Amino acid sequence: MRQKVLATTFLLFSTVLAGCGGGYGYNYRYVSYGPPPPRYYGAIGVAPGPGYVWTNGYWAWRGGRYDWMDGRWVRPPRGRTAWIEGRWDRDGRGWAYRPGHWR
């Protein structure tokens, strides 16, 4: 009986934890034409506090069209990490967005 409970608990937690790792892989959606030029800000203002990093805006593909996602101030998840900007790349299948990430 105890083995069944342990096996069921292990299976349950494995399933829950597997769903948490979805952000580490890339699920690229290819678009047939490239994004518009990026928007540039005249002034981005002052950071809301020490340690904040500005992340530029980008064009996201949503609902069959490009939508501009504004830049924002964010705090790095760990000390001494750098923000790597997302980018649109073109290959033989079309355009795909590689999301920004912390390194």
PDB file of N, CA and C in Angstrom:
ATOM      1  N   MET A   1       0.827  -1.200   0.000  1.00  0.00           N
ATOM      2  CA  MET A   1       0.000   0.000   0.000  1.00  0.00           C
ATOM      3  C   MET A   1       0.867   1.258   0.000  1.00  0.00           C
ATOM      4  N   ARG A   2       1.903   1.231   0.847  1.00  0.00           N
ATOM      5  CA  ARG A   2       2.766   2.405   0.952  1.00  0.00           C
ATOM      6  C   ARG A   2       3.486   2.674  -0.369  1.00  0.00           C
ATOM      7  N   GLN A   3       3.883   1.628  -1.081  1.00  0.00           N
ATOM      8  CA  GLN A   3       4.566   1.790  -2.357  1.00  0.00           C
ATOM      9  C   GLN A   3       3.651   2.449  -3.387  1.00  0.00           C
ATOM     10  N   LYS A   4       2.380   2.084  -3.371  1.00  0.00           N
ATOM     11  CA  LYS A   4       1.429   2.697  -4.312  1.00  0.00           C
ATOM     12  C   LYS A   4       1.271   4.185  -4.023  1.00  0.00           C
ATOM     13  N   VAL A   5       1.203   4.547  -2.741  1.00  0.00           N
ATOM     14  CA  VAL A   5       1.067   5.953  -2.359  1.00  0.00           C
ATOM     15  C   VAL A   5       2.307   6.728  -2.785  1.00  0.00           C
ATOM     16  N   LEU A   6       3.492   6.157  -2.526  1.00  0.00           N
ATOM     17  CA  LEU A   6       4.730   6.822  -2.924  1.00  0.00           C
ATOM     18  C   LEU A   6       4.835   6.953  -4.443  1.00  0.00           C
ATOM     19  N   ALA A   7       4.471   5.909  -5.161  1.00  0.00           N
ATOM     20  CA  ALA A   7       4.535   5.955  -6.617  1.00  0.00           C
ATOM     21  C   ALA A   7       3.561   6.994  -7.175  1.00  0.00           C
ATOM     22  N   THR A   8       2.361   7.038  -6.621  1.00  0.00           N
ATOM     23  CA  THR A   8       1.369   8.024  -7.064  1.00  0.00           C
ATOM     24  C   THR A   8       1.836   9.441  -6.755  1.00  0.00           C
ATOM     25  N   THR A   9       2.399   9.643  -5.572  1.00  0.00           N
ATOM     26  CA  THR A   9       2.908  10.963  -5.195  1.00  0.00           C
ATOM     27  C   THR A   9       4.047  11.379  -6.115  1.00  0.00           C
ATOM     28  N   PHE A  10       4.965  10.465  -6.388  1.00  0.00           N
ATOM     29  CA  PHE A  10       6.074  10.760  -7.286  1.00  0.00           C
ATOM     30  C   PHE A  10       5.575  11.134  -8.682  1.00  0.00           C
ATOM     31  N   LEU A  11       4.633  10.383  -9.199  1.00  0.00           N
ATOM     32  CA  LEU A  11       4.070  10.657 -10.513  1.00  0.00           C
ATOM     33  C   LEU A  11       3.384  12.022 -10.552  1.00  0.00           C
ATOM     34  N   LEU A  12       2.643  12.342  -9.514  1.00  0.00           N
ATOM     35  CA  LEU A  12       1.954  13.619  -9.431  1.00  0.00           C
ATOM     36  C   LEU A  12       2.948  14.781  -9.434  1.00  0.00           C
ATOM     37  N   PHE A  13       3.960  14.716  -8.570  1.00  0.00           N
ATOM     38  CA  PHE A  13       4.950  15.786  -8.507  1.00  0.00           C
ATOM     39  C   PHE A  13       5.775  15.882  -9.785  1.00  0.00           C
ATOM     40  N   SER A  14       6.079  14.763 -10.413  1.00  0.00           N
ATOM     41  CA  SER A  14       6.815  14.776 -11.681  1.00  0.00           C
ATOM     42  C   SER A  14       6.026  15.502 -12.759  1.00  0.00           C
ATOM     43  N   THR A  15       4.735  15.241 -12.798  1.00  0.00           N
ATOM     44  CA  THR A  15       3.872  15.898 -13.778  1.00  0.00           C
ATOM     45  C   THR A  15       3.814  17.403 -13.525  1.00  0.00           C
ATOM     46  N   VAL A  16       3.669  17.801 -12.273  1.00  0.00           N
ATOM     47  CA  VAL A  16       3.613  19.223 -11.928  1.00  0.00           C
ATOM     48  C   VAL A  16       4.926  19.900 -12.270  1.00  0.00           C
ATOM     49  N   LEU A  17       6.049  19.305 -11.901  1.00  0.00           N
ATOM     50  CA  LEU A  17       7.347  19.905 -12.172  1.00  0.00           C
ATOM     51  C   LEU A  17       7.673  19.936 -13.657  1.00  0.00           C
ATOM     52  N   ALA A  18       7.216  18.989 -14.422  1.00  0.00           N
ATOM     53  CA  ALA A  18       7.454  19.001 -15.864  1.00  0.00           C
ATOM     54  C   ALA A  18       6.795  20.214 -16.509  1.00  0.00           C
ATOM     55  N   GLY A  19       5.661  20.614 -16.000  1.00  0.00           N
ATOM     56  CA  GLY A  19       4.993  21.806 -16.521  1.00  0.00           C
ATOM     57  C   GLY A  19       5.712  23.091 -16.194  1.00  0.00           C
ATOM     58  N   CYS A  20       6.546  23.090 -15.166  1.00  0.00           N
ATOM     59  CA  CYS A  20       7.291  24.293 -14.776  1.00  0.00           C
ATOM     60  C   CYS A  20       8.449  24.571 -15.706  1.00  0.00           C
ATOM     61  N   GLY A  21       8.940  23.600 -16.407  1.00  0.00           N
ATOM     62  CA  GLY A  21      10.125  23.784 -17.239  1.00  0.00           C
ATOM     63  C   GLY A  21       9.839  24.251 -18.646  1.00  0.00           C
ATOM     64  N   GLY A  22       8.616  24.596 -18.960  1.00  0.00           N
ATOM     65  CA  GLY A  22       8.281  24.958 -20.330  1.00  0.00           C
ATOM     66  C   GLY A  22       8.973  26.186 -20.856  1.00  0.00           C
ATOM     67  N   GLY A  23       9.407  27.102 -19.997  1.00  0.00           N
ATOM     68  CA  GLY A  23      10.033  28.326 -20.465  1.00  0.00           C
ATOM     69  C   GLY A  23      11.465  28.160 -20.920  1.00  0.00           C
ATOM     70  N   TYR A  24      12.059  27.006 -20.724  1.00  0.00           N
ATOM     71  CA  TYR A  24      13.458  26.840 -21.071  1.00  0.00           C
ATOM     72  C   TYR A  24      13.657  26.413 -22.512  1.00  0.00           C
ATOM     73  N   GLY A  25      12.685  25.793 -23.117  1.00  0.00           N
ATOM     74  CA  GLY A  25      12.797  25.436 -24.518  1.00  0.00           C
ATOM     75  C   GLY A  25      12.219  26.546 -25.378  1.00  0.00           C
ATOM     76  N   TYR A  26      12.513  26.508 -26.634  1.00  0.00           N
ATOM     77  CA  TYR A  26      11.990  27.526 -27.536  1.00  0.00           C
ATOM     78  C   TYR A  26      10.991  26.888 -28.480  1.00  0.00           C
ATOM     79  N   ASN A  27       9.853  27.505 -28.588  1.00  0.00           N
ATOM     80  CA  ASN A  27       8.831  27.065 -29.516  1.00  0.00           C
ATOM     81  C   ASN A  27       8.685  28.178 -30.544  1.00  0.00           C
ATOM     82  N   TYR A  28       9.499  28.126 -31.584  1.00  0.00           N
ATOM     83  CA  TYR A  28       9.512  29.198 -32.559  1.00  0.00           C
ATOM     84  C   TYR A  28       8.302  29.125 -33.469  1.00  0.00           C
ATOM     85  N   ARG A  29       7.696  30.268 -33.692  1.00  0.00           N
ATOM     86  CA  ARG A  29       6.611  30.381 -34.652  1.00  0.00           C
ATOM     87  C   ARG A  29       7.172  31.183 -35.827  1.00  0.00           C
ATOM     88  N   TYR A  30       7.136  30.612 -36.995  1.00  0.00           N
ATOM     89  CA  TYR A  30       7.687  31.286 -38.164  1.00  0.00           C
ATOM     90  C   TYR A  30       6.643  32.173 -38.815  1.00  0.00           C
ATOM     91  N   VAL A  31       7.091  33.346 -39.225  1.00  0.00           N
ATOM     92  CA  VAL A  31       6.244  34.346 -39.858  1.00  0.00           C
ATOM     93  C   VAL A  31       6.817  34.585 -41.249  1.00  0.00           C
ATOM     94  N   SER A  32       5.957  34.776 -42.247  1.00  0.00           N
ATOM     95  CA  SER A  32       6.435  34.902 -43.624  1.00  0.00           C
ATOM     96  C   SER A  32       7.103  36.232 -43.935  1.00  0.00           C
ATOM     97  N   TYR A  33       6.850  37.285 -43.156  1.00  0.00           N
ATOM     98  CA  TYR A  33       7.497  38.574 -43.408  1.00  0.00           C
ATOM     99  C   TYR A  33       8.037  39.143 -42.100  1.00  0.00           C
ATOM    100  N   GLY A  34       9.068  39.948 -42.215  1.00  0.00           N
ATOM    101  CA  GLY A  34       9.771  40.465 -41.048  1.00  0.00           C
ATOM    102  C   GLY A  34       9.015  41.558 -40.316  1.00  0.00           C
ATOM    103  N   PRO A  35       9.470  41.882 -39.114  1.00  0.00           N
ATOM    104  CA  PRO A  35       8.810  42.907 -38.306  1.00  0.00           C
ATOM    105  C   PRO A  35       9.125  44.310 -38.817  1.00  0.00           C
ATOM    106  N   PRO A  36       8.316  45.288 -38.449  1.00  0.00           N
ATOM    107  CA  PRO A  36       8.640  46.679 -38.767  1.00  0.00           C
ATOM    108  C   PRO A  36       9.912  47.095 -38.022  1.00  0.00           C
ATOM    109  N   PRO A  37      10.479  48.259 -38.376  1.00  0.00           N
ATOM    110  CA  PRO A  37      11.653  48.730 -37.631  1.00  0.00           C
ATOM    111  C   PRO A  37      11.304  48.939 -36.166  1.00  0.00           C
ATOM    112  N   PRO A  38      12.278  48.742 -35.271  1.00  0.00           N
ATOM    113  CA  PRO A  38      11.980  48.945 -33.844  1.00  0.00           C
ATOM    114  C   PRO A  38      11.662  50.401 -33.550  1.00  0.00           C
ATOM    115  N   ARG A  39      10.883  50.619 -32.520  1.00  0.00           N
ATOM    116  CA  ARG A  39      10.586  51.975 -32.055  1.00  0.00           C
ATOM    117  C   ARG A  39      11.674  52.380 -31.072  1.00  0.00           C
ATOM    118  N   TYR A  40      12.061  53.635 -31.147  1.00  0.00           N
ATOM    119  CA  TYR A  40      13.084  54.125 -30.228  1.00  0.00           C
ATOM    120  C   TYR A  40      12.485  55.187 -29.334  1.00  0.00           C
ATOM    121  N   TYR A  41      12.904  55.191 -28.092  1.00  0.00           N
ATOM    122  CA  TYR A  41      12.394  56.125 -27.102  1.00  0.00           C
ATOM    123  C   TYR A  41      13.329  57.326 -27.032  1.00  0.00           C
ATOM    124  N   GLY A  42      12.752  58.524 -26.968  1.00  0.00           N
ATOM    125  CA  GLY A  42      13.569  59.709 -26.804  1.00  0.00           C
ATOM    126  C   GLY A  42      14.226  59.715 -25.432  1.00  0.00           C
ATOM    127  N   ALA A  43      13.463  59.435 -24.420  1.00  0.00           N
ATOM    128  CA  ALA A  43      13.980  59.360 -23.057  1.00  0.00           C
ATOM    129  C   ALA A  43      13.246  58.241 -22.338  1.00  0.00           C
ATOM    130  N   ILE A  44      14.001  57.386 -21.692  1.00  0.00           N
ATOM    131  CA  ILE A  44      13.369  56.266 -20.997  1.00  0.00           C
ATOM    132  C   ILE A  44      13.139  56.555 -19.525  1.00  0.00           C
ATOM    133  N   GLY A  45      13.624  57.682 -19.057  1.00  0.00           N
ATOM    134  CA  GLY A  45      13.397  58.046 -17.662  1.00  0.00           C
ATOM    135  C   GLY A  45      14.440  57.457 -16.734  1.00  0.00           C
ATOM    136  N   VAL A  46      14.175  57.592 -15.480  1.00  0.00           N
ATOM    137  CA  VAL A  46      15.095  57.146 -14.441  1.00  0.00           C
ATOM    138  C   VAL A  46      14.616  55.807 -13.884  1.00  0.00           C
ATOM    139  N   ALA A  47      15.568  54.954 -13.579  1.00  0.00           N
ATOM    140  CA  ALA A  47      15.224  53.648 -13.008  1.00  0.00           C
ATOM    141  C   ALA A  47      14.417  53.836 -11.729  1.00  0.00           C
ATOM    142  N   PRO A  48      13.449  52.976 -11.470  1.00  0.00           N
ATOM    143  CA  PRO A  48      12.628  53.104 -10.262  1.00  0.00           C
ATOM    144  C   PRO A  48      13.382  52.798  -8.973  1.00  0.00           C
ATOM    145  N   GLY A  49      14.572  52.266  -9.083  1.00  0.00           N
ATOM    146  CA  GLY A  49      15.359  51.958  -7.901  1.00  0.00           C
ATOM    147  C   GLY A  49      16.717  51.416  -8.291  1.00  0.00           C
ATOM    148  N   PRO A  50      17.600  51.230  -7.336  1.00  0.00           N
ATOM    149  CA  PRO A  50      18.929  50.706  -7.655  1.00  0.00           C
ATOM    150  C   PRO A  50      18.857  49.260  -8.157  1.00  0.00           C
ATOM    151  N   GLY A  51      19.711  48.950  -9.115  1.00  0.00           N
ATOM    152  CA  GLY A  51      19.787  47.588  -9.627  1.00  0.00           C
ATOM    153  C   GLY A  51      18.857  47.286 -10.784  1.00  0.00           C
ATOM    154  N   TYR A  52      17.977  48.214 -11.174  1.00  0.00           N
ATOM    155  CA  TYR A  52      17.055  47.960 -12.280  1.00  0.00           C
ATOM    156  C   TYR A  52      17.773  48.092 -13.617  1.00  0.00           C
ATOM    157  N   VAL A  53      17.315  47.309 -14.605  1.00  0.00           N
ATOM    158  CA  VAL A  53      17.885  47.313 -15.949  1.00  0.00           C
ATOM    159  C   VAL A  53      16.763  47.601 -16.934  1.00  0.00           C
ATOM    160  N   TRP A  54      17.040  48.451 -17.927  1.00  0.00           N
ATOM    161  CA  TRP A  54      16.054  48.742 -18.965  1.00  0.00           C
ATOM    162  C   TRP A  54      16.095  47.648 -20.017  1.00  0.00           C
ATOM    163  N   THR A  55      14.941  47.078 -20.343  1.00  0.00           N
ATOM    164  CA  THR A  55      14.826  46.111 -21.443  1.00  0.00           C
ATOM    165  C   THR A  55      14.030  46.777 -22.551  1.00  0.00           C
ATOM    166  N   ASN A  56      14.619  46.835 -23.723  1.00  0.00           N
ATOM    167  CA  ASN A  56      13.976  47.512 -24.855  1.00  0.00           C
ATOM    168  C   ASN A  56      12.692  46.803 -25.281  1.00  0.00           C
ATOM    169  N   GLY A  57      11.832  47.559 -25.928  1.00  0.00           N
ATOM    170  CA  GLY A  57      10.613  46.990 -26.489  1.00  0.00           C
ATOM    171  C   GLY A  57      10.928  46.138 -27.714  1.00  0.00           C
ATOM    172  N   TYR A  58       9.943  45.409 -28.173  1.00  0.00           N
ATOM    173  CA  TYR A  58      10.130  44.536 -29.333  1.00  0.00           C
ATOM    174  C   TYR A  58       8.793  44.290 -30.017  1.00  0.00           C
ATOM    175  N   TRP A  59       8.868  43.835 -31.248  1.00  0.00           N
ATOM    176  CA  TRP A  59       7.664  43.462 -31.986  1.00  0.00           C
ATOM    177  C   TRP A  59       7.342  42.002 -31.704  1.00  0.00           C
ATOM    178  N   ALA A  60       6.149  41.734 -31.234  1.00  0.00           N
ATOM    179  CA  ALA A  60       5.685  40.367 -30.969  1.00  0.00           C
ATOM    180  C   ALA A  60       4.639  40.004 -32.019  1.00  0.00           C
ATOM    181  N   TRP A  61       4.605  38.759 -32.403  1.00  0.00           N
ATOM    182  CA  TRP A  61       3.609  38.264 -33.364  1.00  0.00           C
ATOM    183  C   TRP A  61       2.411  37.758 -32.575  1.00  0.00           C
ATOM    184  N   ARG A  62       1.278  38.466 -32.689  1.00  0.00           N
ATOM    185  CA  ARG A  62       0.074  38.111 -31.936  1.00  0.00           C
ATOM    186  C   ARG A  62      -1.145  38.267 -32.836  1.00  0.00           C
ATOM    187  N   GLY A  63      -1.961  37.257 -32.869  1.00  0.00           N
ATOM    188  CA  GLY A  63      -3.217  37.331 -33.612  1.00  0.00           C
ATOM    189  C   GLY A  63      -3.044  37.612 -35.093  1.00  0.00           C
ATOM    190  N   GLY A  64      -1.972  37.095 -35.686  1.00  0.00           N
ATOM    191  CA  GLY A  64      -1.766  37.264 -37.119  1.00  0.00           C
ATOM    192  C   GLY A  64      -1.184  38.615 -37.515  1.00  0.00           C
ATOM    193  N   ARG A  65      -0.644  39.362 -36.553  1.00  0.00           N
ATOM    194  CA  ARG A  65      -0.028  40.655 -36.868  1.00  0.00           C
ATOM    195  C   ARG A  65       1.025  40.978 -35.820  1.00  0.00           C
ATOM    196  N   TYR A  66       1.854  41.967 -36.130  1.00  0.00           N
ATOM    197  CA  TYR A  66       2.873  42.409 -35.182  1.00  0.00           C
ATOM    198  C   TYR A  66       2.278  43.417 -34.208  1.00  0.00           C
ATOM    199  N   ASP A  67       2.562  43.227 -32.928  1.00  0.00           N
ATOM    200  CA  ASP A  67       2.173  44.160 -31.870  1.00  0.00           C
ATOM    201  C   ASP A  67       3.432  44.625 -31.158  1.00  0.00           C
ATOM    202  N   TRP A  68       3.513  45.930 -30.900  1.00  0.00           N
ATOM    203  CA  TRP A  68       4.663  46.465 -30.186  1.00  0.00           C
ATOM    204  C   TRP A  68       4.497  46.223 -28.685  1.00  0.00           C
ATOM    205  N   MET A  69       5.536  45.652 -28.078  1.00  0.00           N
ATOM    206  CA  MET A  69       5.577  45.434 -26.636  1.00  0.00           C
ATOM    207  C   MET A  69       6.549  46.461 -26.073  1.00  0.00           C
ATOM    208  N   ASP A  70       6.048  47.346 -25.232  1.00  0.00           N
ATOM    209  CA  ASP A  70       6.874  48.422 -24.699  1.00  0.00           C
ATOM    210  C   ASP A  70       8.024  47.890 -23.852  1.00  0.00           C
ATOM    211  N   GLY A  71       9.130  48.651 -23.846  1.00  0.00           N
ATOM    212  CA  GLY A  71      10.251  48.343 -22.966  1.00  0.00           C
ATOM    213  C   GLY A  71       9.866  48.641 -21.526  1.00  0.00           C
ATOM    214  N   ARG A  72      10.651  48.131 -20.597  1.00  0.00           N
ATOM    215  CA  ARG A  72      10.328  48.357 -19.189  1.00  0.00           C
ATOM    216  C   ARG A  72      11.565  48.173 -18.326  1.00  0.00           C
ATOM    217  N   TRP A  73      11.468  48.678 -17.122  1.00  0.00           N
ATOM    218  CA  TRP A  73      12.519  48.503 -16.120  1.00  0.00           C
ATOM    219  C   TRP A  73      12.256  47.198 -15.383  1.00  0.00           C
ATOM    220  N   VAL A  74      13.279  46.358 -15.259  1.00  0.00           N
ATOM    221  CA  VAL A  74      13.145  45.096 -14.524  1.00  0.00           C
ATOM    222  C   VAL A  74      14.368  44.890 -13.635  1.00  0.00           C
ATOM    223  N   ARG A  75      14.187  44.102 -12.609  1.00  0.00           N
ATOM    224  CA  ARG A  75      15.319  43.746 -11.742  1.00  0.00           C
ATOM    225  C   ARG A  75      15.847  42.392 -12.179  1.00  0.00           C
ATOM    226  N   PRO A  76      17.156  42.266 -12.301  1.00  0.00           N
ATOM    227  CA  PRO A  76      17.732  40.965 -12.663  1.00  0.00           C
ATOM    228  C   PRO A  76      17.382  39.908 -11.623  1.00  0.00           C
ATOM    229  N   PRO A  77      17.233  38.658 -12.057  1.00  0.00           N
ATOM    230  CA  PRO A  77      16.882  37.594 -11.112  1.00  0.00           C
ATOM    231  C   PRO A  77      18.013  37.271 -10.138  1.00  0.00           C
ATOM    232  N   ARG A  78      19.250  37.532 -10.546  1.00  0.00           N
ATOM    233  CA  ARG A  78      20.420  37.279  -9.702  1.00  0.00           C
ATOM    234  C   ARG A  78      21.401  38.425  -9.911  1.00  0.00           C
ATOM    235  N   GLY A  79      22.305  38.585  -8.973  1.00  0.00           N
ATOM    236  CA  GLY A  79      23.329  39.606  -9.110  1.00  0.00           C
ATOM    237  C   GLY A  79      24.254  39.311 -10.279  1.00  0.00           C
ATOM    238  N   ARG A  80      24.755  40.339 -10.902  1.00  0.00           N
ATOM    239  CA  ARG A  80      25.713  40.237 -12.012  1.00  0.00           C
ATOM    240  C   ARG A  80      25.199  39.448 -13.203  1.00  0.00           C
ATOM    241  N   THR A  81      23.933  39.521 -13.484  1.00  0.00           N
ATOM    242  CA  THR A  81      23.405  38.918 -14.702  1.00  0.00           C
ATOM    243  C   THR A  81      23.176  40.023 -15.715  1.00  0.00           C
ATOM    244  N   ALA A  82      23.283  39.684 -16.979  1.00  0.00           N
ATOM    245  CA  ALA A  82      23.113  40.659 -18.054  1.00  0.00           C
ATOM    246  C   ALA A  82      21.896  40.277 -18.886  1.00  0.00           C
ATOM    247  N   TRP A  83      21.173  41.281 -19.361  1.00  0.00           N
ATOM    248  CA  TRP A  83      20.016  41.057 -20.220  1.00  0.00           C
ATOM    249  C   TRP A  83      20.486  40.939 -21.660  1.00  0.00           C
ATOM    250  N   ILE A  84      20.142  39.860 -22.324  1.00  0.00           N
ATOM    251  CA  ILE A  84      20.434  39.647 -23.738  1.00  0.00           C
ATOM    252  C   ILE A  84      19.145  39.928 -24.494  1.00  0.00           C
ATOM    253  N   GLU A  85      19.181  40.919 -25.369  1.00  0.00           N
ATOM    254  CA  GLU A  85      17.982  41.337 -26.100  1.00  0.00           C
ATOM    255  C   GLU A  85      17.436  40.215 -26.976  1.00  0.00           C
ATOM    256  N   GLY A  86      16.130  40.173 -27.113  1.00  0.00           N
ATOM    257  CA  GLY A  86      15.495  39.258 -28.058  1.00  0.00           C
ATOM    258  C   GLY A  86      15.741  39.772 -29.474  1.00  0.00           C
ATOM    259  N   ARG A  87      15.569  38.906 -30.446  1.00  0.00           N
ATOM    260  CA  ARG A  87      15.801  39.336 -31.830  1.00  0.00           C
ATOM    261  C   ARG A  87      14.976  38.495 -32.802  1.00  0.00           C
ATOM    262  N   TRP A  88      14.686  39.074 -33.933  1.00  0.00           N
ATOM    263  CA  TRP A  88      14.034  38.383 -35.029  1.00  0.00           C
ATOM    264  C   TRP A  88      15.110  37.885 -35.978  1.00  0.00           C
ATOM    265  N   ASP A  89      15.112  36.595 -36.285  1.00  0.00           N
ATOM    266  CA  ASP A  89      16.061  35.997 -37.218  1.00  0.00           C
ATOM    267  C   ASP A  89      15.305  35.448 -38.413  1.00  0.00           C
ATOM    268  N   ARG A  90      15.967  35.493 -39.557  1.00  0.00           N
ATOM    269  CA  ARG A  90      15.371  34.954 -40.774  1.00  0.00           C
ATOM    270  C   ARG A  90      16.161  33.737 -41.225  1.00  0.00           C
ATOM    271  N   ASP A  91      15.450  32.686 -41.591  1.00  0.00           N
ATOM    272  CA  ASP A  91      16.090  31.516 -42.193  1.00  0.00           C
ATOM    273  C   ASP A  91      15.204  31.025 -43.328  1.00  0.00           C
ATOM    274  N   GLY A  92      15.429  29.835 -43.812  1.00  0.00           N
ATOM    275  CA  GLY A  92      14.691  29.314 -44.958  1.00  0.00           C
ATOM    276  C   GLY A  92      13.199  29.142 -44.737  1.00  0.00           C
ATOM    277  N   ARG A  93      12.757  29.082 -43.474  1.00  0.00           N
ATOM    278  CA  ARG A  93      11.331  28.889 -43.187  1.00  0.00           C
ATOM    279  C   ARG A  93      10.594  30.195 -42.932  1.00  0.00           C
ATOM    280  N   GLY A  94      11.323  31.296 -42.785  1.00  0.00           N
ATOM    281  CA  GLY A  94      10.692  32.583 -42.525  1.00  0.00           C
ATOM    282  C   GLY A  94      11.376  33.293 -41.373  1.00  0.00           C
ATOM    283  N   TRP A  95      10.635  34.142 -40.694  1.00  0.00           N
ATOM    284  CA  TRP A  95      11.135  34.926 -39.568  1.00  0.00           C
ATOM    285  C   TRP A  95      10.688  34.291 -38.269  1.00  0.00           C
ATOM    286  N   ALA A  96      11.579  34.235 -37.291  1.00  0.00           N
ATOM    287  CA  ALA A  96      11.254  33.671 -35.979  1.00  0.00           C
ATOM    288  C   ALA A  96      11.860  34.566 -34.905  1.00  0.00           C
ATOM    289  N   TYR A  97      11.123  34.750 -33.829  1.00  0.00           N
ATOM    290  CA  TYR A  97      11.602  35.577 -32.719  1.00  0.00           C
ATOM    291  C   TYR A  97      12.321  34.718 -31.691  1.00  0.00           C
ATOM    292  N   ARG A  98      13.531  35.128 -31.342  1.00  0.00           N
ATOM    293  CA  ARG A  98      14.298  34.494 -30.272  1.00  0.00           C
ATOM    294  C   ARG A  98      14.143  35.400 -29.061  1.00  0.00           C
ATOM    295  N   PRO A  99      13.437  34.974 -28.016  1.00  0.00           N
ATOM    296  CA  PRO A  99      13.148  35.847 -26.882  1.00  0.00           C
ATOM    297  C   PRO A  99      14.401  36.283 -26.121  1.00  0.00           C
ATOM    298  N   GLY A 100      14.306  37.449 -25.501  1.00  0.00           N
ATOM    299  CA  GLY A 100      15.381  37.919 -24.643  1.00  0.00           C
ATOM    300  C   GLY A 100      15.482  37.050 -23.398  1.00  0.00           C
ATOM    301  N   HIS A 101      16.668  37.069 -22.780  1.00  0.00           N
ATOM    302  CA  HIS A 101      16.880  36.231 -21.592  1.00  0.00           C
ATOM    303  C   HIS A 101      18.023  36.798 -20.752  1.00  0.00           C
ATOM    304  N   TRP A 102      18.112  36.335 -19.537  1.00  0.00           N
ATOM    305  CA  TRP A 102      19.181  36.734 -18.629  1.00  0.00           C
ATOM    306  C   TRP A 102      20.337  35.767 -18.753  1.00  0.00           C
ATOM    307  N   ARG A 103      21.559  36.328 -18.736  1.00  0.00           N
ATOM    308  CA  ARG A 103      22.746  35.475 -18.766  1.00  0.00           C
ATOM    309  C   ARG A 103      23.678  35.905 -17.668  1.00  0.00           C
TER     310      ARG A 103
END
